[in-house]
Amino acid sequence: MTITEIAQEAGVSIATVSRFLNNGPVKEETKKKLEQVIRKINYVPESFTRKIISSPSQVSTIAIISHSITNPYTTEFVEEVSTIYNSRSIVCYTVYCVDTDTEYRYLMDLIAHKVNGIIMHDPDMGDGKFELYNRIAQRVPFVIIHSLKGDISCNSITVDQEIGMKHAMEYLINLGHRRIAYISGNDGYSFRLKERIWKEELARIGITPPEQDCIRAANVDFEKGMDTARETVLTYLKEGNRPTAIFTANDIIAMGTISALTEMGLSVPKDISVMSHDNTLLARSLNLTCVDMKIRSVGIASVDLMDYAIKGSDTTPRHISLTPSIIERSSCRNILKDSVIQ
């Protein structure tokens, strides 16, 4: 869509649209109307021309956009990418946004300032985001990291969480666990995917989990999720629920879960086993058995894909899928082995 078409859609002059796009003086009411039109169509100005660079050594700035600074997975991912780029004298900086409008403004600002590449880490993929990211990938070297497998026309990296969750459930089932509670966030693709596999793997051995064993807490992608998870699990336990194992959809939830178990006088893994997802510093410090989401490998793959996009000799999008693994530590009890010993 051109500036002329935006002006017609918003019912304003072309000059007004131009002033708005260049941060000139525009009435507040008109500004809101133009913002709505531009967001509706995922407009990316044609003047933001894709910058093709012949050699990675010429790159000066790579930006990472993510939704949380307090999620340890994000922090460790950013640190990995930054470490690689710093060793090559490339500036790498990160911006954080928690809503769609802020993300859009960041993206447009980064492109306007001619950053040499953008890495999107775990963005919200709703509301026509595929189209927006595909358009941006035509303007600037662009890599997206997400758990969602979809028809996206830009370089992308996924870690196959479906396989990871199946391995996690198989691991717990093989230890003899039959009542396995699942705790996640209120919504989100990866949370729903894990919930589906949780149900399917229990159904495979003839078990239909009670409704209360699917536990949801708010804000679990952020530091405050430790508190909300703790409160939610406390309520669950105080209602008399006693699974033999709890699987948590990330390490933040695991931290809150263990706090709740401790407060109830329950120990891990003697009373209840806990298995987590991600394998961040939190899981390592708590000695948690968990699904390893390959943070280092994702970081390395991100840099490799960005180098590929920057060279520009082949504009065909590349898609990398990594397979998670199980890291076995001491937070899960082998019920079958213990019963034989007794």
Protein backbone atom coordinates (compact mmCIF):
# COMPACT_ATOMS: atom_id res chain seq x y z
CA MET A 1 0.00 0.00 0.00
CA THR A 2 1.31 3.47 -0.91
CA ILE A 3 1.15 6.75 1.03
CA THR A 4 -1.67 7.86 -1.30
CA GLU A 5 -3.73 4.78 -0.42
CA ILE A 6 -3.09 5.30 3.30
CA ALA A 7 -4.29 8.91 2.97
CA GLN A 8 -7.46 7.75 1.23
CA GLU A 9 -8.08 5.04 3.84
CA ALA A 10 -7.64 7.50 6.72
CA GLY A 11 -9.44 10.38 5.02
CA VAL A 12 -6.49 12.79 5.26
CA SER A 13 -4.09 14.46 2.85
CA ILE A 14 -0.91 12.89 1.48
CA ALA A 15 1.06 15.69 3.15
CA THR A 16 -0.43 14.75 6.52
CA VAL A 17 0.59 11.11 6.06
CA SER A 18 4.10 12.22 5.08
CA ARG A 19 4.41 14.44 8.18
CA PHE A 20 3.20 11.59 10.36
CA LEU A 21 5.69 9.09 8.91
CA ASN A 22 8.51 11.59 9.40
CA ASN A 23 7.49 12.49 12.99
CA GLY A 24 6.22 15.91 11.97
CA PRO A 25 3.38 17.88 13.61
CA VAL A 26 0.04 16.05 13.33
CA LYS A 27 -3.11 16.47 15.43
CA GLU A 28 -3.48 13.81 18.11
CA GLU A 29 -6.82 12.61 16.73
CA THR A 30 -5.36 12.30 13.22
CA LYS A 31 -2.27 10.56 14.57
CA LYS A 32 -4.41 7.88 16.26
CA LYS A 33 -6.40 7.36 13.06
CA LEU A 34 -3.24 6.96 10.99
CA GLU A 35 -1.71 4.58 13.55
CA GLN A 36 -4.81 2.39 13.31
CA VAL A 37 -4.66 2.30 9.51
CA ILE A 38 -0.94 1.59 9.39
CA ARG A 39 -1.13 -1.16 12.01
CA LYS A 40 -4.15 -2.67 10.28
CA ILE A 41 -2.25 -3.11 7.01
CA ASN A 42 1.18 -3.86 8.56
CA TYR A 43 2.64 -1.03 6.47
CA VAL A 44 6.37 -1.06 5.89
CA PRO A 45 7.56 2.05 3.93
CA GLU A 46 9.16 1.32 0.56
CA SER A 47 11.93 3.80 1.40
CA PHE A 48 13.23 1.31 3.96
CA THR A 49 15.36 -0.47 1.37
CA ARG A 50 16.94 -3.80 2.15
CA LYS A 51 20.64 -3.26 2.75
CA ILE A 52 22.70 -5.97 1.07
CA ILE A 53 26.17 -6.39 2.52
CA SER A 54 28.81 -8.53 0.85
CA SER A 55 30.71 -9.64 3.92
CA PRO A 56 29.77 -10.28 7.56
CA SER A 57 32.84 -8.31 8.59
CA GLN A 58 31.18 -5.14 7.30
CA VAL A 59 28.20 -5.44 9.63
CA SER A 60 28.06 -2.78 12.33
CA THR A 61 24.76 -3.30 14.17
CA ILE A 62 22.51 -6.28 14.84
CA ALA A 63 19.34 -5.75 16.88
CA ILE A 64 17.48 -8.35 18.94
CA ILE A 65 13.83 -7.79 19.85
CA SER A 66 12.33 -9.90 22.63
CA HIS A 67 9.36 -9.74 24.96
CA SER A 68 11.02 -10.25 28.33
CA ILE A 69 14.23 -9.19 30.01
CA THR A 70 13.50 -11.23 33.16
CA ASN A 71 13.01 -14.61 31.48
CA PRO A 72 16.33 -16.45 31.91
CA TYR A 73 15.96 -18.19 28.55
CA THR A 74 15.86 -14.81 26.80
CA THR A 75 18.77 -13.48 28.83
CA GLU A 76 20.97 -16.48 28.08
CA PHE A 77 20.04 -16.41 24.38
CA VAL A 78 20.89 -12.71 24.07
CA GLU A 79 24.16 -13.24 25.92
CA GLU A 80 25.12 -16.07 23.55
CA VAL A 81 24.42 -14.03 20.41
CA SER A 82 26.13 -10.93 21.83
CA THR A 83 29.22 -12.92 22.80
CA ILE A 84 29.58 -14.28 19.26
CA TYR A 85 29.16 -10.87 17.66
CA ASN A 86 31.44 -9.10 20.14
CA SER A 87 34.21 -11.50 19.21
CA ARG A 88 33.82 -10.24 15.64
CA SER A 89 33.70 -6.52 16.51
CA ILE A 90 29.99 -6.30 15.72
CA VAL A 91 27.64 -4.23 17.86
CA CYS A 92 24.65 -6.19 19.12
CA TYR A 93 21.91 -4.55 21.19
CA THR A 94 18.55 -5.68 22.49
CA VAL A 95 15.17 -4.00 22.93
CA TYR A 96 12.26 -5.47 24.89
CA CYS A 97 8.56 -4.99 24.24
CA VAL A 98 5.47 -6.53 25.78
CA ASP A 99 2.76 -5.52 23.29
CA THR A 100 2.16 -5.53 19.54
CA ASP A 101 2.12 -1.74 19.07
CA THR A 102 5.45 -1.25 20.86
CA GLU A 103 7.00 -4.07 18.84
CA TYR A 104 5.82 -2.47 15.58
CA ARG A 105 7.25 0.92 16.53
CA TYR A 106 10.59 -0.66 17.46
CA LEU A 107 10.75 -2.51 14.15
CA MET A 108 10.03 0.60 12.10
CA ASP A 109 12.54 2.64 14.10
CA LEU A 110 15.26 0.01 13.68
CA ILE A 111 14.69 -0.19 9.94
CA ALA A 112 14.64 3.62 9.63
CA HIS A 113 17.98 3.78 11.42
CA LYS A 114 19.37 1.22 8.96
CA VAL A 115 20.41 -1.51 11.35
CA ASN A 116 22.16 -4.26 9.44
CA GLY A 117 19.96 -7.06 10.73
CA ILE A 118 17.11 -7.87 13.13
CA ILE A 119 16.60 -11.02 15.20
CA MET A 120 13.07 -11.51 16.55
CA HIS A 121 13.07 -13.76 19.60
CA ASP A 122 9.84 -15.58 20.45
CA PRO A 123 7.36 -12.94 19.22
CA ASP A 124 3.57 -13.13 19.32
CA MET A 125 2.52 -14.63 15.99
CA GLY A 126 -1.12 -13.53 16.00
CA ASP A 127 -2.96 -10.72 14.19
CA GLY A 128 -1.35 -11.04 10.77
CA LYS A 129 2.21 -11.15 12.09
CA PHE A 130 3.32 -13.62 9.40
CA GLU A 131 2.57 -11.00 6.75
CA LEU A 132 4.34 -8.24 8.68
CA TYR A 133 7.51 -10.26 9.27
CA ASN A 134 7.57 -11.44 5.65
CA ARG A 135 7.44 -7.81 4.49
CA ILE A 136 10.19 -6.74 6.86
CA ALA A 137 12.38 -9.62 5.65
CA GLN A 138 12.22 -8.04 2.19
CA ARG A 139 13.70 -4.81 3.55
CA VAL A 140 16.37 -5.90 6.01
CA PRO A 141 18.20 -9.15 6.93
CA PHE A 142 15.78 -10.80 9.34
CA VAL A 143 15.75 -13.94 11.49
CA ILE A 144 12.87 -15.14 13.64
CA ILE A 145 13.17 -17.61 16.54
CA HIS A 146 9.90 -19.22 17.56
CA SER A 147 8.36 -22.51 18.65
CA LEU A 148 5.64 -22.19 16.01
CA LYS A 149 6.08 -24.12 12.78
CA GLY A 150 4.36 -22.11 10.09
CA ASP A 151 4.44 -20.90 6.52
CA ILE A 152 6.68 -17.92 7.08
CA SER A 153 8.77 -16.50 4.25
CA CYS A 154 11.80 -15.44 6.25
CA ASN A 155 14.75 -17.14 7.89
CA SER A 156 13.58 -18.96 10.99
CA ILE A 157 14.72 -21.26 13.79
CA THR A 158 12.51 -23.57 15.81
CA VAL A 159 13.19 -26.04 18.59
CA ASP A 160 10.82 -28.97 18.19
CA GLN A 161 8.90 -28.71 21.46
CA GLU A 162 6.50 -31.49 20.44
CA ILE A 163 9.35 -34.01 20.39
CA GLY A 164 10.75 -32.54 23.62
CA MET A 165 7.44 -32.89 25.43
CA LYS A 166 6.96 -36.46 24.22
CA HIS A 167 10.41 -37.36 25.52
CA ALA A 168 9.60 -35.68 28.86
CA MET A 169 6.37 -37.63 29.31
CA GLU A 170 8.02 -40.88 28.27
CA TYR A 171 10.76 -40.23 30.81
CA LEU A 172 8.31 -39.69 33.68
CA ILE A 173 6.10 -42.60 32.67
CA ASN A 174 9.10 -44.93 32.45
CA LEU A 175 9.97 -43.94 36.04
CA GLY A 176 6.56 -45.24 37.07
CA HIS A 177 4.67 -41.94 37.38
CA ARG A 178 0.99 -42.12 36.51
CA ARG A 179 -0.47 -39.02 38.11
CA ILE A 180 1.54 -36.26 36.44
CA ALA A 181 0.31 -32.69 36.87
CA TYR A 182 1.06 -30.08 34.19
CA ILE A 183 1.48 -26.37 34.94
CA SER A 184 1.85 -23.64 32.32
CA GLY A 185 0.82 -20.12 31.42
CA ASN A 186 -2.71 -19.03 30.63
CA ASP A 187 -2.22 -18.99 26.85
CA GLY A 188 0.36 -19.34 24.11
CA TYR A 189 1.23 -21.78 21.33
CA SER A 190 3.96 -23.66 23.20
CA PHE A 191 1.85 -23.96 26.37
CA ARG A 192 -1.09 -25.40 24.41
CA LEU A 193 1.19 -27.75 22.49
CA LYS A 194 2.71 -29.15 25.68
CA GLU A 195 -0.75 -29.55 27.21
CA ARG A 196 -1.91 -31.54 24.19
CA ILE A 197 1.08 -33.88 24.33
CA TRP A 198 0.65 -34.25 28.11
CA LYS A 199 -2.91 -35.50 27.59
CA GLU A 200 -2.02 -37.68 24.59
CA GLU A 201 0.87 -39.44 26.32
CA LEU A 202 -1.22 -40.20 29.40
CA ALA A 203 -4.07 -41.42 27.17
CA ARG A 204 -1.59 -43.71 25.44
CA ILE A 205 -1.23 -45.65 28.71
CA GLY A 206 -4.94 -45.55 29.46
CA ILE A 207 -5.04 -42.55 31.80
CA THR A 208 -7.39 -39.57 31.60
CA PRO A 209 -5.89 -36.89 33.89
CA PRO A 210 -8.28 -35.09 36.26
CA GLU A 211 -9.13 -31.57 35.13
CA GLN A 212 -7.48 -29.99 38.17
CA ASP A 213 -4.10 -31.49 37.22
CA CYS A 214 -3.85 -29.02 34.32
CA ILE A 215 -2.76 -25.91 36.22
CA ARG A 216 -2.40 -22.44 34.71
CA ALA A 217 -0.71 -19.38 36.19
CA ALA A 218 -0.37 -15.79 34.94
CA ASN A 219 2.73 -13.94 33.71
CA VAL A 220 4.91 -17.03 33.73
CA ASP A 221 7.24 -15.69 31.01
CA PHE A 222 8.39 -12.99 33.42
CA GLU A 223 10.06 -12.88 36.84
CA LYS A 224 6.72 -12.22 38.53
CA GLY A 225 5.67 -15.65 37.25
CA MET A 226 7.60 -17.22 40.14
CA ASP A 227 5.10 -15.69 42.56
CA THR A 228 2.00 -16.43 40.50
CA ALA A 229 3.11 -20.03 39.98
CA ARG A 230 3.81 -20.42 43.68
CA GLU A 231 0.37 -19.10 44.63
CA THR A 232 -1.40 -21.23 42.01
CA VAL A 233 0.40 -24.44 43.03
CA LEU A 234 -0.24 -23.70 46.72
CA THR A 235 -3.96 -23.50 46.02
CA TYR A 236 -3.80 -26.76 44.08
CA LEU A 237 -1.96 -28.56 46.88
CA LYS A 238 -4.16 -27.16 49.64
CA GLU A 239 -7.16 -28.68 47.85
CA GLY A 240 -5.65 -32.08 48.65
CA ASN A 241 -4.09 -32.86 45.27
CA ARG A 242 -0.99 -35.07 45.43
CA PRO A 243 0.43 -36.05 42.04
CA THR A 244 3.62 -38.09 42.07
CA ALA A 245 5.18 -35.70 39.54
CA ILE A 246 4.70 -32.15 38.25
CA PHE A 247 5.89 -31.04 34.82
CA THR A 248 6.41 -27.27 34.51
CA ALA A 249 6.32 -25.56 31.12
CA ASN A 250 9.37 -23.40 31.93
CA ASP A 251 11.98 -22.89 34.63
CA ILE A 252 10.30 -19.80 36.07
CA ILE A 253 7.24 -21.93 36.84
CA ALA A 254 9.49 -24.62 38.31
CA MET A 255 10.98 -22.10 40.73
CA GLY A 256 7.51 -21.11 41.97
CA THR A 257 6.40 -24.73 42.11
CA ILE A 258 9.31 -25.79 44.31
CA SER A 259 8.66 -22.81 46.60
CA ALA A 260 5.06 -23.98 47.02
CA LEU A 261 6.09 -27.58 47.70
CA THR A 262 8.61 -26.43 50.31
CA GLU A 263 6.00 -24.24 51.98
CA MET A 264 3.69 -27.26 52.21
CA GLY A 265 6.44 -29.33 53.82
CA LEU A 266 6.89 -31.52 50.75
CA SER A 267 10.32 -32.45 49.40
CA VAL A 268 11.60 -32.97 45.85
CA PRO A 269 11.80 -35.72 44.67
CA LYS A 270 10.87 -37.84 47.73
CA ASP A 271 7.27 -36.60 47.94
CA ILE A 272 6.72 -35.12 44.47
CA SER A 273 9.07 -35.18 41.48
CA VAL A 274 9.49 -32.00 39.45
CA MET A 275 10.56 -31.88 35.80
CA SER A 276 11.00 -28.62 33.94
CA HIS A 277 11.37 -27.19 30.44
CA ASP A 278 14.12 -24.93 29.02
CA ASN A 279 17.32 -25.80 30.96
CA THR A 280 18.25 -22.26 31.95
CA LEU A 281 20.42 -21.20 34.87
CA LEU A 282 17.41 -21.72 37.16
CA ALA A 283 17.14 -25.41 36.26
CA ARG A 284 20.87 -25.93 36.63
CA SER A 285 20.96 -24.20 40.01
CA LEU A 286 17.99 -26.23 41.29
CA ASN A 287 19.45 -29.46 39.88
CA LEU A 288 16.26 -30.04 37.90
CA THR A 289 15.76 -32.78 35.36
CA CYS A 290 14.46 -30.92 32.31
CA VAL A 291 13.96 -30.59 28.58
CA ASP A 292 17.02 -28.85 27.16
CA MET A 293 15.93 -26.17 24.68
CA LYS A 294 19.45 -25.82 23.26
CA ILE A 295 19.98 -22.15 24.05
CA ARG A 296 23.59 -22.13 22.85
CA SER A 297 22.72 -23.95 19.61
CA VAL A 298 19.86 -21.52 18.93
CA GLY A 299 22.24 -18.59 19.45
CA ILE A 300 24.84 -20.02 17.06
CA ALA A 301 22.17 -20.85 14.46
CA SER A 302 20.80 -17.29 14.73
CA VAL A 303 24.18 -15.81 13.88
CA ASP A 304 24.70 -18.27 11.02
CA LEU A 305 21.30 -17.43 9.52
CA MET A 306 21.91 -13.71 9.94
CA ASP A 307 25.24 -14.01 8.09
CA TYR A 308 23.41 -15.85 5.31
CA ALA A 309 20.71 -13.16 5.11
CA ILE A 310 23.24 -10.32 5.11
CA LYS A 311 25.29 -11.78 2.26
CA GLY A 312 22.15 -11.71 0.14
CA SER A 313 23.52 -13.86 -2.68
CA ASP A 314 20.60 -16.26 -2.18
CA THR A 315 17.37 -14.76 -0.85
CA THR A 316 15.59 -18.09 -0.40
CA PRO A 317 14.51 -18.32 3.28
CA ARG A 318 16.15 -21.05 5.32
CA HIS A 319 14.46 -22.83 8.21
CA ILE A 320 16.41 -24.60 10.94
CA SER A 321 14.77 -27.07 13.32
CA LEU A 322 16.64 -28.21 16.42
CA THR A 323 15.78 -31.27 18.49
CA PRO A 324 15.66 -30.86 22.29
CA SER A 325 17.01 -33.51 24.64
CA ILE A 326 16.44 -34.60 28.24
CA ILE A 327 18.96 -33.48 30.86
CA GLU A 328 18.73 -35.91 33.77
CA ARG A 329 19.51 -34.54 37.22
CA SER A 330 18.14 -35.38 40.68
CA SER A 331 14.60 -33.93 40.81
CA CYS A 332 12.70 -37.01 39.60
CA ARG A 333 12.17 -40.15 41.66
CA ASN A 334 12.16 -43.59 40.08
CA ILE A 335 8.98 -45.04 41.58
CA LEU A 336 9.42 -48.44 39.93
CA LYS A 337 12.95 -48.87 41.29
CA ASP A 338 11.95 -47.73 44.78
CA SER A 339 9.02 -50.17 44.88
CA VAL A 340 11.31 -53.09 43.95
CA ILE A 341 13.79 -52.16 46.71
CA GLN A 342 11.00 -51.97 49.29
